[in-house]
C-alpha atoms as a PDB file:
ATOM      1  CA  MET A   1     160.311 126.271 131.284  1.00  0.00           C
ATOM      2  CA  LYS A   2     158.204 123.227 130.648  1.00  0.00           C
ATOM      3  CA  LYS A   3     158.716 122.124 134.241  1.00  0.00           C
ATOM      4  CA  ILE A   4     157.646 125.532 135.535  1.00  0.00           C
ATOM      5  CA  PHE A   5     154.632 126.222 133.371  1.00  0.00           C
ATOM      6  CA  GLY A   6     153.852 122.684 132.487  1.00  0.00           C
ATOM      7  CA  VAL A   7     153.048 121.173 129.094  1.00  0.00           C
ATOM      8  CA  LYS A   8     149.981 122.420 127.326  1.00  0.00           C
ATOM      9  CA  LYS A   9     147.601 119.531 126.982  1.00  0.00           C
ATOM     10  CA  ASP A  10     145.655 118.984 123.802  1.00  0.00           C
ATOM     11  CA  LYS A  11     141.986 119.717 124.076  1.00  0.00           C
ATOM     12  CA  GLU A  12     139.782 116.687 124.087  1.00  0.00           C
ATOM     13  CA  PRO A  13     137.217 116.564 121.293  1.00  0.00           C
ATOM     14  CA  PRO A  14     133.706 117.419 122.393  1.00  0.00           C
ATOM     15  CA  PRO A  15     131.398 114.455 122.910  1.00  0.00           C
ATOM     16  CA  SER A  16     129.211 113.518 120.019  1.00  0.00           C
ATOM     17  CA  ILE A  17     125.458 113.431 120.128  1.00  0.00           C
ATOM     18  CA  ASN A  18     125.452 109.657 120.359  1.00  0.00           C
ATOM     19  CA  ASP A  19     127.876 109.743 123.301  1.00  0.00           C
ATOM     20  CA  ALA A  20     125.737 112.272 125.136  1.00  0.00           C
ATOM     21  CA  THR A  21     122.593 110.267 124.415  1.00  0.00           C
ATOM     22  CA  ASP A  22     124.153 107.044 125.726  1.00  0.00           C
ATOM     23  CA  ARG A  23     125.383 108.759 128.909  1.00  0.00           C
ATOM     24  CA  ILE A  24     121.991 110.307 129.662  1.00  0.00           C
ATOM     25  CA  SER A  25     120.219 107.012 128.909  1.00  0.00           C
ATOM     26  CA  LYS A  26     122.435 105.217 131.432  1.00  0.00           C
ATOM     27  CA  ARG A  27     121.647 107.862 134.062  1.00  0.00           C
ATOM     28  CA  GLY A  28     117.957 107.433 133.327  1.00  0.00           C
ATOM     29  CA  GLU A  29     118.221 103.675 133.823  1.00  0.00           C
ATOM     30  CA  THR A  30     119.950 104.237 137.197  1.00  0.00           C
ATOM     31  CA  VAL A  31     117.180 106.615 138.310  1.00  0.00           C
ATOM     32  CA  ASP A  32     114.526 104.105 137.234  1.00  0.00           C
ATOM     33  CA  GLU A  33     116.154 101.420 139.385  1.00  0.00           C
ATOM     34  CA  LYS A  34     116.115 103.749 142.430  1.00  0.00           C
ATOM     35  CA  ILE A  35     112.451 104.577 141.853  1.00  0.00           C
ATOM     36  CA  LYS A  36     111.585 100.872 141.726  1.00  0.00           C
ATOM     37  CA  LYS A  37     113.340 100.297 145.077  1.00  0.00           C
ATOM     38  CA  LEU A  38     111.469 103.232 146.635  1.00  0.00           C
ATOM     39  CA  ASP A  39     108.163 101.854 145.308  1.00  0.00           C
ATOM     40  CA  ALA A  40     108.900  98.506 146.978  1.00  0.00           C
ATOM     41  CA  GLU A  41     109.736 100.278 150.245  1.00  0.00           C
ATOM     42  CA  LEU A  42     106.518 102.312 150.090  1.00  0.00           C
ATOM     43  CA  SER A  43     104.520  99.114 149.572  1.00  0.00           C
ATOM     44  CA  ARG A  44     106.099  97.621 152.674  1.00  0.00           C
ATOM     45  CA  TYR A  45     105.289 100.719 154.737  1.00  0.00           C
ATOM     46  CA  LYS A  46     101.744 100.622 153.461  1.00  0.00           C
ATOM     47  CA  GLU A  47     101.286  97.078 154.741  1.00  0.00           C
ATOM     48  CA  GLN A  48     102.780  98.029 158.084  1.00  0.00           C
ATOM     49  CA  ILE A  49     100.431 100.996 158.466  1.00  0.00           C
ATOM     50  CA  LYS A  50      97.454  98.709 157.827  1.00  0.00           C
ATOM     51  CA  LYS A  51      98.603  96.245 160.485  1.00  0.00           C
ATOM     52  CA  THR A  52      99.571  98.868 163.107  1.00  0.00           C
ATOM     53  CA  ARG A  53      97.015 100.454 165.405  1.00  0.00           C
ATOM     54  CA  PRO A  54      96.644 104.200 165.366  1.00  0.00           C
ATOM     55  CA  GLY A  55      99.166 105.767 167.672  1.00  0.00           C
ATOM     56  CA  PRO A  56     102.817 106.800 167.912  1.00  0.00           C
ATOM     57  CA  ALA A  57     104.052 103.622 166.106  1.00  0.00           C
ATOM     58  CA  GLN A  58     101.784 104.194 163.148  1.00  0.00           C
ATOM     59  CA  GLU A  59     102.770 107.868 163.001  1.00  0.00           C
ATOM     60  CA  ALA A  60     106.446 106.906 162.935  1.00  0.00           C
ATOM     61  CA  ILE A  61     105.823 104.515 160.018  1.00  0.00           C
ATOM     62  CA  LYS A  62     103.914 107.252 158.181  1.00  0.00           C
ATOM     63  CA  ALA A  63     106.803 109.687 158.695  1.00  0.00           C
ATOM     64  CA  ARG A  64     109.305 107.214 157.197  1.00  0.00           C
ATOM     65  CA  ALA A  65     106.914 106.565 154.281  1.00  0.00           C
ATOM     66  CA  MET A  66     106.633 110.325 153.751  1.00  0.00           C
ATOM     67  CA  ARG A  67     110.438 110.657 153.435  1.00  0.00           C
ATOM     68  CA  VAL A  68     110.536 107.785 150.941  1.00  0.00           C
ATOM     69  CA  LEU A  69     107.736 109.386 148.931  1.00  0.00           C
ATOM     70  CA  LYS A  70     109.657 112.697 148.815  1.00  0.00           C
ATOM     71  CA  GLN A  71     112.739 110.859 147.493  1.00  0.00           C
ATOM     72  CA  LYS A  72     110.612 109.136 144.900  1.00  0.00           C
ATOM     73  CA  ARG A  73     109.157 112.449 143.702  1.00  0.00           C
ATOM     74  CA  MET A  74     112.668 113.899 143.457  1.00  0.00           C
ATOM     75  CA  TYR A  75     113.929 110.954 141.387  1.00  0.00           C
ATOM     76  CA  GLU A  76     110.854 111.119 139.189  1.00  0.00           C
ATOM     77  CA  GLY A  77     111.616 114.769 138.470  1.00  0.00           C
ATOM     78  CA  GLN A  78     115.194 113.863 137.545  1.00  0.00           C
ATOM     79  CA  ARG A  79     113.950 111.068 135.335  1.00  0.00           C
ATOM     80  CA  ASP A  80     111.577 113.406 133.504  1.00  0.00           C
ATOM     81  CA  MET A  81     114.401 115.895 133.016  1.00  0.00           C
ATOM     82  CA  LEU A  82     116.658 113.188 131.611  1.00  0.00           C
ATOM     83  CA  TYR A  83     113.896 112.029 129.273  1.00  0.00           C
ATOM     84  CA  ASN A  84     113.494 115.589 127.977  1.00  0.00           C
ATOM     85  CA  GLN A  85     117.244 115.880 127.391  1.00  0.00           C
ATOM     86  CA  THR A  86     117.257 112.571 125.507  1.00  0.00           C
ATOM     87  CA  PHE A  87     114.347 113.728 123.388  1.00  0.00           C
ATOM     88  CA  ASN A  88     116.173 116.975 122.539  1.00  0.00           C
ATOM     89  CA  LEU A  89     119.324 115.068 121.639  1.00  0.00           C
ATOM     90  CA  ASP A  90     117.329 112.736 119.406  1.00  0.00           C
ATOM     91  CA  GLN A  91     115.866 115.730 117.575  1.00  0.00           C
ATOM     92  CA  VAL A  92     119.321 117.234 117.086  1.00  0.00           C
ATOM     93  CA  ALA A  93     120.678 113.884 115.868  1.00  0.00           C
ATOM     94  CA  PHE A  94     117.805 113.555 113.421  1.00  0.00           C
ATOM     95  CA  ALA A  95     118.466 117.064 112.086  1.00  0.00           C
ATOM     96  CA  ALA A  96     122.200 116.341 111.794  1.00  0.00           C
ATOM     97  CA  GLU A  97     121.526 113.137 109.856  1.00  0.00           C
ATOM     98  CA  GLY A  98     119.184 115.062 107.569  1.00  0.00           C
ATOM     99  CA  ILE A  99     121.901 117.625 106.865  1.00  0.00           C
ATOM    100  CA  LYS A 100     124.407 114.847 106.126  1.00  0.00           C
ATOM    101  CA  ASP A 101     121.956 113.281 103.698  1.00  0.00           C
ATOM    102  CA  ALA A 102     121.453 116.654 102.037  1.00  0.00           C
ATOM    103  CA  GLN A 103     125.231 117.094 101.694  1.00  0.00           C
ATOM    104  CA  GLN A 104     125.581 113.677 100.073  1.00  0.00           C
ATOM    105  CA  THR A 105     122.692 114.456  97.751  1.00  0.00           C
ATOM    106  CA  MET A 106     124.289 117.747  96.732  1.00  0.00           C
ATOM    107  CA  SER A 107     127.617 116.029  96.103  1.00  0.00           C
ATOM    108  CA  ALA A 108     125.933 113.410  93.923  1.00  0.00           C
ATOM    109  CA  LEU A 109     124.053 116.102  91.983  1.00  0.00           C
ATOM    110  CA  LYS A 110     127.242 118.103  91.412  1.00  0.00           C
ATOM    111  CA  SER A 111     129.033 115.012  90.122  1.00  0.00           C
ATOM    112  CA  ALA A 112     126.146 114.173  87.804  1.00  0.00           C
ATOM    113  CA  ASN A 113     126.058 117.789  86.614  1.00  0.00           C
ATOM    114  CA  GLN A 114     129.724 117.675  85.673  1.00  0.00           C
ATOM    115  CA  GLU A 115     129.230 114.405  83.790  1.00  0.00           C
ATOM    116  CA  LEU A 116     126.264 115.823  81.883  1.00  0.00           C
ATOM    117  CA  LYS A 117     128.241 118.912  80.933  1.00  0.00           C
ATOM    118  CA  GLY A 118     131.026 116.700  79.578  1.00  0.00           C
ATOM    119  CA  MET A 119     128.529 114.673  77.553  1.00  0.00           C
ATOM    120  CA  MET A 120     126.900 117.809  76.183  1.00  0.00           C
ATOM    121  CA  LYS A 121     130.261 118.960  74.861  1.00  0.00           C
ATOM    122  CA  ILE A 122     130.525 115.757  72.825  1.00  0.00           C
ATOM    123  CA  VAL A 123     126.888 115.443  71.726  1.00  0.00           C
ATOM    124  CA  LYS A 124     125.643 118.633  70.111  1.00  0.00           C
ATOM    125  CA  ILE A 125     122.026 119.307  69.231  1.00  0.00           C
ATOM    126  CA  GLN A 126     122.938 121.058  65.961  1.00  0.00           C
ATOM    127  CA  GLU A 127     124.841 117.988  64.778  1.00  0.00           C
ATOM    128  CA  ILE A 128     121.862 115.787  65.611  1.00  0.00           C
ATOM    129  CA  ASP A 129     119.515 118.062  63.643  1.00  0.00           C
ATOM    130  CA  ASN A 130     121.879 118.054  60.667  1.00  0.00           C
ATOM    131  CA  LEU A 131     122.126 114.268  60.821  1.00  0.00           C
ATOM    132  CA  GLN A 132     118.344 113.926  60.887  1.00  0.00           C
ATOM    133  CA  ASP A 133     117.973 116.255  57.881  1.00  0.00           C
ATOM    134  CA  GLU A 134     120.598 114.305  55.966  1.00  0.00           C
ATOM    135  CA  MET A 135     118.855 111.012  56.743  1.00  0.00           C
ATOM    136  CA  MET A 136     115.533 112.412  55.525  1.00  0.00           C
ATOM    137  CA  ASP A 137     117.160 113.544  52.253  1.00  0.00           C
ATOM    138  CA  LEU A 138     118.709 110.110  51.779  1.00  0.00           C
ATOM    139  CA  MET A 139     115.341 108.423  52.363  1.00  0.00           C
ATOM    140  CA  ASP A 140     113.686 110.699  49.790  1.00  0.00           C
ATOM    141  CA  VAL A 141     116.369 109.852  47.225  1.00  0.00           C
ATOM    142  CA  SER A 142     115.954 106.134  48.002  1.00  0.00           C
ATOM    143  CA  ASN A 143     112.186 106.375  47.466  1.00  0.00           C
ATOM    144  CA  GLU A 144     112.713 108.135  44.117  1.00  0.00           C
ATOM    145  CA  ILE A 145     115.131 105.395  43.044  1.00  0.00           C
ATOM    146  CA  GLN A 146     112.633 102.674  43.971  1.00  0.00           C
ATOM    147  CA  GLU A 147     109.831 104.435  42.075  1.00  0.00           C
ATOM    148  CA  THR A 148     112.052 104.875  39.026  1.00  0.00           C
ATOM    149  CA  LEU A 149     113.121 101.212  39.002  1.00  0.00           C
ATOM    150  CA  GLY A 150     109.503 100.083  39.430  1.00  0.00           C
ATOM    151  CA  ARG A 151     108.211 102.131  36.481  1.00  0.00           C
ATOM    152  CA  SER A 152     106.524 100.134  33.632  1.00  0.00           C
ATOM    153  CA  TYR A 153     107.653 100.418  30.000  1.00  0.00           C
ATOM    154  CA  ASN A 154     105.554 101.178  26.869  1.00  0.00           C
ATOM    155  CA  VAL A 155     102.329 101.491  28.808  1.00  0.00           C
ATOM    156  CA  PRO A 156      99.978 104.139  27.437  1.00  0.00           C
ATOM    157  CA  ASP A 157      98.834 106.658  29.971  1.00  0.00           C
ATOM    158  CA  ASP A 158      95.704 107.850  28.148  1.00  0.00           C
ATOM    159  CA  ILE A 159      93.472 104.814  28.869  1.00  0.00           C
ATOM    160  CA  ASP A 160      90.110 105.795  30.295  1.00  0.00           C
ATOM    161  CA  GLU A 161      87.405 103.740  31.985  1.00  0.00           C
ATOM    162  CA  GLU A 162      85.324 103.187  28.802  1.00  0.00           C
ATOM    163  CA  ASP A 163      88.321 101.746  26.946  1.00  0.00           C
ATOM    164  CA  LEU A 164      89.024  99.454  29.882  1.00  0.00           C
ATOM    165  CA  MET A 165      85.448  98.121  30.058  1.00  0.00           C
ATOM    166  CA  GLY A 166      85.380  97.578  26.283  1.00  0.00           C
ATOM    167  CA  GLU A 167      88.625  95.649  26.445  1.00  0.00           C
ATOM    168  CA  LEU A 168      87.270  93.459  29.251  1.00  0.00           C
ATOM    169  CA  ASP A 169      84.033  92.723  27.359  1.00  0.00           C
ATOM    170  CA  ALA A 170      85.974  91.759  24.216  1.00  0.00           C
ATOM    171  CA  LEU A 171      88.259  89.506  26.267  1.00  0.00           C
ATOM    172  CA  GLU A 172      85.255  87.787  27.878  1.00  0.00           C
ATOM    173  CA  ALA A 173      83.636  87.180  24.437  1.00  0.00           C
ATOM    174  CA  ASP A 174      86.881  85.704  23.053  1.00  0.00           C
ATOM    175  CA  MET A 175      87.187  83.361  26.014  1.00  0.00           C
ATOM    176  CA  GLY A 176      83.591  82.165  25.534  1.00  0.00           C
ATOM    177  CA  MET A 177      84.109  81.369  21.843  1.00  0.00           C
ATOM    178  CA  GLU A 178      87.318  79.507  22.553  1.00  0.00           C
ATOM    179  CA  THR A 179      85.524  77.394  25.138  1.00  0.00           C
ATOM    180  CA  GLU A 180      82.786  76.398  22.705  1.00  0.00           C
ATOM    181  CA  ALA A 181      85.175  75.670  19.769  1.00  0.00           C
ATOM    182  CA  ASP A 182      88.266  74.012  21.223  1.00  0.00           C
ATOM    183  CA  GLY A 183      88.384  73.986  24.958  1.00  0.00           C
ATOM    184  CA  VAL A 184      85.322  71.900  26.048  1.00  0.00           C
ATOM    185  CA  PRO A 185      83.859  68.832  24.202  1.00  0.00           C
ATOM    186  CA  SER A 186      80.358  69.169  22.868  1.00  0.00           C
ATOM    187  CA  TYR A 187      78.932  66.544  25.196  1.00  0.00           C
ATOM    188  CA  LEU A 188      80.133  68.551  28.191  1.00  0.00           C
ATOM    189  CA  GLN A 189      78.642  71.803  26.983  1.00  0.00           C
ATOM    190  CA  PRO A 190      75.296  72.718  28.608  1.00  0.00           C
ATOM    191  CA  ASP A 191      71.984  72.634  26.712  1.00  0.00           C
ATOM    192  CA  LYS A 192      73.353  70.290  24.011  1.00  0.00           C
ATOM    193  CA  GLU A 193      72.850  66.551  23.344  1.00  0.00           C
ATOM    194  CA  PRO A 194      76.062  64.476  23.558  1.00  0.00           C
ATOM    195  CA  ASP A 195      77.321  63.083  20.198  1.00  0.00           C
ATOM    196  CA  PHE A 196      79.888  60.389  20.916  1.00  0.00           C
ATOM    197  CA  ASP A 197      80.324  59.396  17.273  1.00  0.00           C
ATOM    198  CA  ALA A 198      81.194  62.925  16.306  1.00  0.00           C
ATOM    199  CA  GLU A 199      83.683  63.260  19.138  1.00  0.00           C
ATOM    200  CA  LEU A 200      85.307  59.865  18.421  1.00  0.00           C
ATOM    201  CA  ASN A 201      85.172  60.310  14.578  1.00  0.00           C
ATOM    202  CA  LEU A 202      83.127  57.096  14.261  1.00  0.00           C
ATOM    203  CA  PRO A 203      80.853  56.421  11.273  1.00  0.00           C
ATOM    204  CA  SER A 204      77.214  56.661  12.201  1.00  0.00           C
ATOM    205  CA  ALA A 205      74.642  54.000  11.267  1.00  0.00           C
ATOM    206  CA  PRO A 206      73.095  54.270   7.751  1.00  0.00           C
ATOM    207  CA  SER A 207      69.777  55.994   7.569  1.00  0.00           C
ATOM    208  CA  GLY A 208      66.871  53.639   8.005  1.00  0.00           C
ATOM    209  CA  GLN A 209      68.997  50.932   9.624  1.00  0.00           C
ATOM    210  CA  ALA A 210      68.249  50.456  13.257  1.00  0.00           C
ATOM    211  CA  VAL A 211      70.886  49.855  15.813  1.00  0.00           C
ATOM    212  CA  PRO A 212      70.598  46.470  17.523  1.00  0.00           C
ATOM    213  CA  ALA A 213      68.678  46.502  20.734  1.00  0.00           C
ATOM    214  CA  GLY A 214      70.719  46.930  23.843  1.00  0.00           C
ATOM    215  CA  ARG A 215      73.525  48.669  22.009  1.00  0.00           C
ATOM    216  CA  SER A 216      74.281  52.264  21.416  1.00  0.00           C
ATOM    217  CA  ASN A 217      76.537  53.833  18.844  1.00  0.00           C
ATOM    218  CA  ALA A 218      79.351  53.796  21.365  1.00  0.00           C
ATOM    219  CA  GLN A 219      78.853  50.041  21.990  1.00  0.00           C
ATOM    220  CA  ALA A 220      78.688  49.095  18.273  1.00  0.00           C
ATOM    221  CA  HIS A 221      82.264  50.145  17.583  1.00  0.00           C
ATOM    222  CA  ASP A 222      85.336  49.295  19.561  1.00  0.00           C
ATOM    223  CA  GLU A 223      87.851  51.377  17.646  1.00  0.00           C
ATOM    224  CA  PRO A 224      87.382  53.672  14.657  1.00  0.00           C
ATOM    225  CA  GLY A 225      86.289  51.488  11.708  1.00  0.00           C
ATOM    226  CA  LEU A 226      86.341  48.149  13.637  1.00  0.00           C
ATOM    227  CA  PRO A 227      83.356  46.204  14.949  1.00  0.00           C
ATOM    228  CA  ALA A 228      82.957  45.895  18.646  1.00  0.00           C
ATOM    229  CA  VAL A 229      83.989  42.623  20.334  1.00  0.00           C
ATOM    230  CA  PRO A 230      81.146  40.901  22.163  1.00  0.00           C
ATOM    231  CA  ARG A 231      81.402  41.034  25.964  1.00  0.00           C
ATOM    232  CA  ALA A 232      80.829  37.290  26.314  1.00  0.00           C
ATOM    233  CA  SER A 233      83.847  36.425  24.206  1.00  0.00           C
ATOM    234  CA  ILE A 234      86.017  38.803  26.246  1.00  0.00           C
ATOM    235  CA  ARG A 235      84.968  37.159  29.509  1.00  0.00           C
ATOM    236  CA  GLY A 236      85.638  33.680  28.073  1.00  0.00           C
END
């Protein structure tokens, strides 16, 4: 049976857009080469017509040039047709590539959608809200604990501004009296003559007895109750 009817051949796959584009481009290149040859032949006939006198010879050259020009016009028409086909194929290829890109984009979006759905099943908005509320309650309790631990003891709360100012004035007066009595010597206090003998507990000179010239009360006594040593004897 196979010998009688033959074996059914498998159908060849249709050519792709790129294959068709390459085939038409090669045909276009072949047509361009033929047009270039015809242009060179027309240039040669043109030179011959210029050199030939009017007459039968020139008419024969013009007739051959006319045939070459007709062939050139025919090839130019074929070339334009091939260019249009290539342009159409390029448009179809561009549209096909755009559809492929759209398919890949849709596949990526579907995959991302499935991943997001899986994540949403794990992370729930209600649980997040409950966690935030719990954290806010814990922070409020922590603030109350800090305020309680930082509270002062035995501090009256009924102190007004007049009591505060009176307390500050009394404190300032006490500090001033302490400075005059114990804190600062009398010779360092302003508006008061220095009294070295009183500060050093030295006996002052008897009334009516003058202190030797060139000496003061501080120079007349070296230590409490002892006469001062002359400076000359110390240097010697």
